[in-house]
Structure formats: C-alpha cells, structure tokens
Amino acid sequence: MTPTHDPRPAAYLIILLGLGVAAAASLVPFYEAGYLLKPGILLAVLMPFLLYGVLIESLRGPWLLATGLLLLAANLVLVASERYLRYDGYADDLIYWVPTLTAVIVLPIAYWLGRSTGEPDASGSALPG
C-alpha cells in the first residue's frame, strides 16, 4: 500500500495565514495613539479564503494547494503594497475589490480544472468524491 499525502492540513494552514493577512490589513493606524479595526476590510480580505474553504473537499491535491497559494500570494502582495508601502487610508479602494476579483477569477477555474471525480488517481488510491 502506497502512503498518500493529504493536502487538507496545508489548506487549513493557508486559510489561517489568510486570516493573519486580513487582520494585518484591517488594523489601521488611528491618530497617533493606537490602531482601529476596520471590519469591512477584514471581511473583504478574508472573503477569498472563506470561499476557498468551501472548495477544500472538492479539489484534488495539487489544485487545492496551488489555488490556496495563489490566493495567499495575491492577497499578501496587495496588503503589503496597500497597507505597509503606501498607506493612504485605502483611498483608492483596491483593498475592497481586488481580493474578491481574484477569488472570482481563480476559484471557478480551479474548480473546473481540479475537481475530484471519485476515480482513482495515478497512485491507485480513490479520490474523495
């Protein structure tokens, strides 16, 4: 019997890292005294990872990890650029629509190309259906 690698723990770690990215984006400076949590930004940056979590059981291993890493990288670059490199109070609103647009483009393509069919894969183990 060949041992198989279950990619779901890595997918859960990607979602957890996405929560960290969303938290970093939503904690914004408030005057000179502290930080303010912006729930709209938290939800906007977290939305792709919530949608990704819905597909965890539907995607095959390589597609599951590639999709999650692509979403994480896109959101990480956006948050680093918008929050840490040129923070202006999110005046250009990229933080609201780019994560959702990324999810709307990437997730259907990943689902269409990488959904599991319940058939055996190359290693001979049956994929979850």
Protein backbone atom coordinates (compact mmCIF):
# COMPACT_ATOMS: atom_id res chain seq x y z
CA MET A 1 0.00 0.00 0.00
CA THR A 2 1.39 3.37 -1.03
CA PRO A 3 1.18 6.16 1.53
CA THR A 4 -0.77 9.14 0.24
CA HIS A 5 -0.28 12.78 1.12
CA ASP A 6 -3.36 14.60 2.37
CA PRO A 7 -3.17 18.28 1.33
CA ARG A 8 -6.04 19.41 3.56
CA PRO A 9 -3.89 20.33 6.60
CA ALA A 10 -1.84 22.60 4.34
CA ALA A 11 -5.08 24.12 3.01
CA TYR A 12 -6.22 24.83 6.56
CA LEU A 13 -2.84 26.48 7.24
CA ILE A 14 -3.33 28.64 4.13
CA ILE A 15 -6.72 29.76 5.47
CA LEU A 16 -5.15 30.55 8.84
CA LEU A 17 -2.41 32.59 7.15
CA GLY A 18 -5.12 34.37 5.14
CA LEU A 19 -6.79 35.30 8.41
CA GLY A 20 -3.49 36.79 9.55
CA VAL A 21 -3.16 38.79 6.33
CA ALA A 22 -6.74 40.03 6.73
CA ALA A 23 -6.07 41.04 10.33
CA ALA A 24 -2.93 42.91 9.29
CA ALA A 25 -4.87 44.79 6.63
CA SER A 26 -7.77 45.66 8.91
CA LEU A 27 -5.76 47.05 11.83
CA VAL A 28 -5.15 50.61 10.67
CA PRO A 29 -3.46 53.50 12.50
CA PHE A 30 -5.83 55.67 14.49
CA TYR A 31 -4.36 59.13 15.04
CA GLU A 32 -1.10 58.70 16.92
CA ALA A 33 -2.43 56.66 19.81
CA GLY A 34 -3.24 53.21 18.53
CA TYR A 35 -4.98 51.10 15.95
CA LEU A 36 -8.56 50.74 14.79
CA LEU A 37 -10.12 47.53 13.49
CA LYS A 38 -11.95 48.06 10.19
CA PRO A 39 -14.45 45.18 9.86
CA GLY A 40 -15.22 45.91 6.18
CA ILE A 41 -11.58 45.49 5.24
CA LEU A 42 -11.32 42.36 7.39
CA LEU A 43 -14.25 40.80 5.55
CA ALA A 44 -13.06 41.92 2.11
CA VAL A 45 -9.58 40.41 2.52
CA LEU A 46 -10.87 37.30 4.28
CA MET A 47 -13.61 36.54 1.70
CA PRO A 48 -11.36 34.67 -0.79
CA PHE A 49 -10.19 32.36 1.98
CA LEU A 50 -13.74 31.70 3.14
CA LEU A 51 -14.69 30.75 -0.42
CA TYR A 52 -11.53 28.67 -0.70
CA GLY A 53 -12.55 26.80 2.45
CA VAL A 54 -15.77 25.74 0.74
CA LEU A 55 -13.75 24.04 -2.01
CA ILE A 56 -11.37 22.09 0.24
CA GLU A 57 -13.24 18.82 -0.17
CA SER A 58 -13.91 19.37 -3.88
CA LEU A 59 -10.40 19.90 -5.25
CA ARG A 60 -7.62 17.38 -5.88
CA GLY A 61 -4.33 17.76 -4.01
CA PRO A 62 -2.17 19.79 -6.40
CA TRP A 63 -5.06 22.03 -7.41
CA LEU A 64 -6.03 22.60 -3.79
CA LEU A 65 -2.55 23.74 -2.79
CA ALA A 66 -1.88 25.76 -5.95
CA THR A 67 -5.17 27.62 -5.63
CA GLY A 68 -4.61 28.42 -1.97
CA LEU A 69 -1.05 29.56 -2.51
CA LEU A 70 -2.10 31.76 -5.43
CA LEU A 71 -4.82 33.42 -3.34
CA LEU A 72 -2.45 33.86 -0.41
CA ALA A 73 0.30 35.35 -2.58
CA ALA A 74 -2.06 37.76 -4.36
CA ASN A 75 -3.55 38.98 -1.08
CA LEU A 76 -0.16 39.21 0.60
CA VAL A 77 1.23 41.37 -2.21
CA LEU A 78 -1.88 43.57 -2.14
CA VAL A 79 -1.83 44.06 1.63
CA ALA A 80 1.92 44.69 1.71
CA SER A 81 1.56 47.29 -1.02
CA GLU A 82 -1.61 48.99 0.22
CA ARG A 83 -1.06 48.83 3.98
CA TYR A 84 2.68 48.94 4.54
CA LEU A 85 4.34 50.51 1.50
CA ARG A 86 1.91 53.29 0.60
CA TYR A 87 -0.82 53.55 3.20
CA ASP A 88 -3.21 56.42 2.49
CA GLY A 89 -6.29 55.26 4.34
CA TYR A 90 -7.19 52.87 1.49
CA ALA A 91 -8.35 55.87 -0.56
CA ASP A 92 -8.13 54.02 -3.90
CA ASP A 93 -10.39 51.17 -2.63
CA LEU A 94 -8.19 48.42 -4.13
CA ILE A 95 -8.28 46.59 -0.80
CA TYR A 96 -12.03 46.09 -1.20
CA TRP A 97 -12.38 44.73 -4.72
CA VAL A 98 -9.04 43.10 -5.68
CA PRO A 99 -9.29 40.14 -3.23
CA THR A 100 -12.84 39.41 -4.34
CA LEU A 101 -11.94 39.76 -8.01
CA THR A 102 -9.01 37.39 -7.51
CA ALA A 103 -11.30 34.83 -5.90
CA VAL A 104 -13.95 35.23 -8.62
CA ILE A 105 -11.33 34.52 -11.30
CA VAL A 106 -9.18 31.86 -9.62
CA LEU A 107 -11.70 29.70 -7.75
CA PRO A 108 -14.04 28.80 -10.65
CA ILE A 109 -11.06 27.97 -12.87
CA ALA A 110 -9.54 25.81 -10.14
CA TYR A 111 -12.86 24.08 -9.53
CA TRP A 112 -13.43 23.46 -13.23
CA LEU A 113 -9.93 22.06 -13.83
CA GLY A 114 -9.23 20.43 -10.49
CA ARG A 115 -12.43 18.99 -9.10
CA SER A 116 -12.15 15.46 -7.80
CA THR A 117 -14.24 12.88 -9.59
CA GLY A 118 -14.04 9.95 -7.19
CA GLU A 119 -11.92 8.00 -9.69
CA PRO A 120 -8.56 6.53 -8.74
CA ASP A 121 -5.60 8.83 -9.26
CA ALA A 122 -2.19 7.81 -10.59
CA SER A 123 -1.14 6.25 -7.26
CA GLY A 124 -4.16 3.95 -7.30
CA SER A 125 -5.97 5.45 -4.33
CA ALA A 126 -9.53 6.61 -4.81
CA LEU A 127 -10.06 10.34 -4.63
CA PRO A 128 -12.88 11.63 -2.43
CA GLY A 129 -15.95 12.27 -4.45
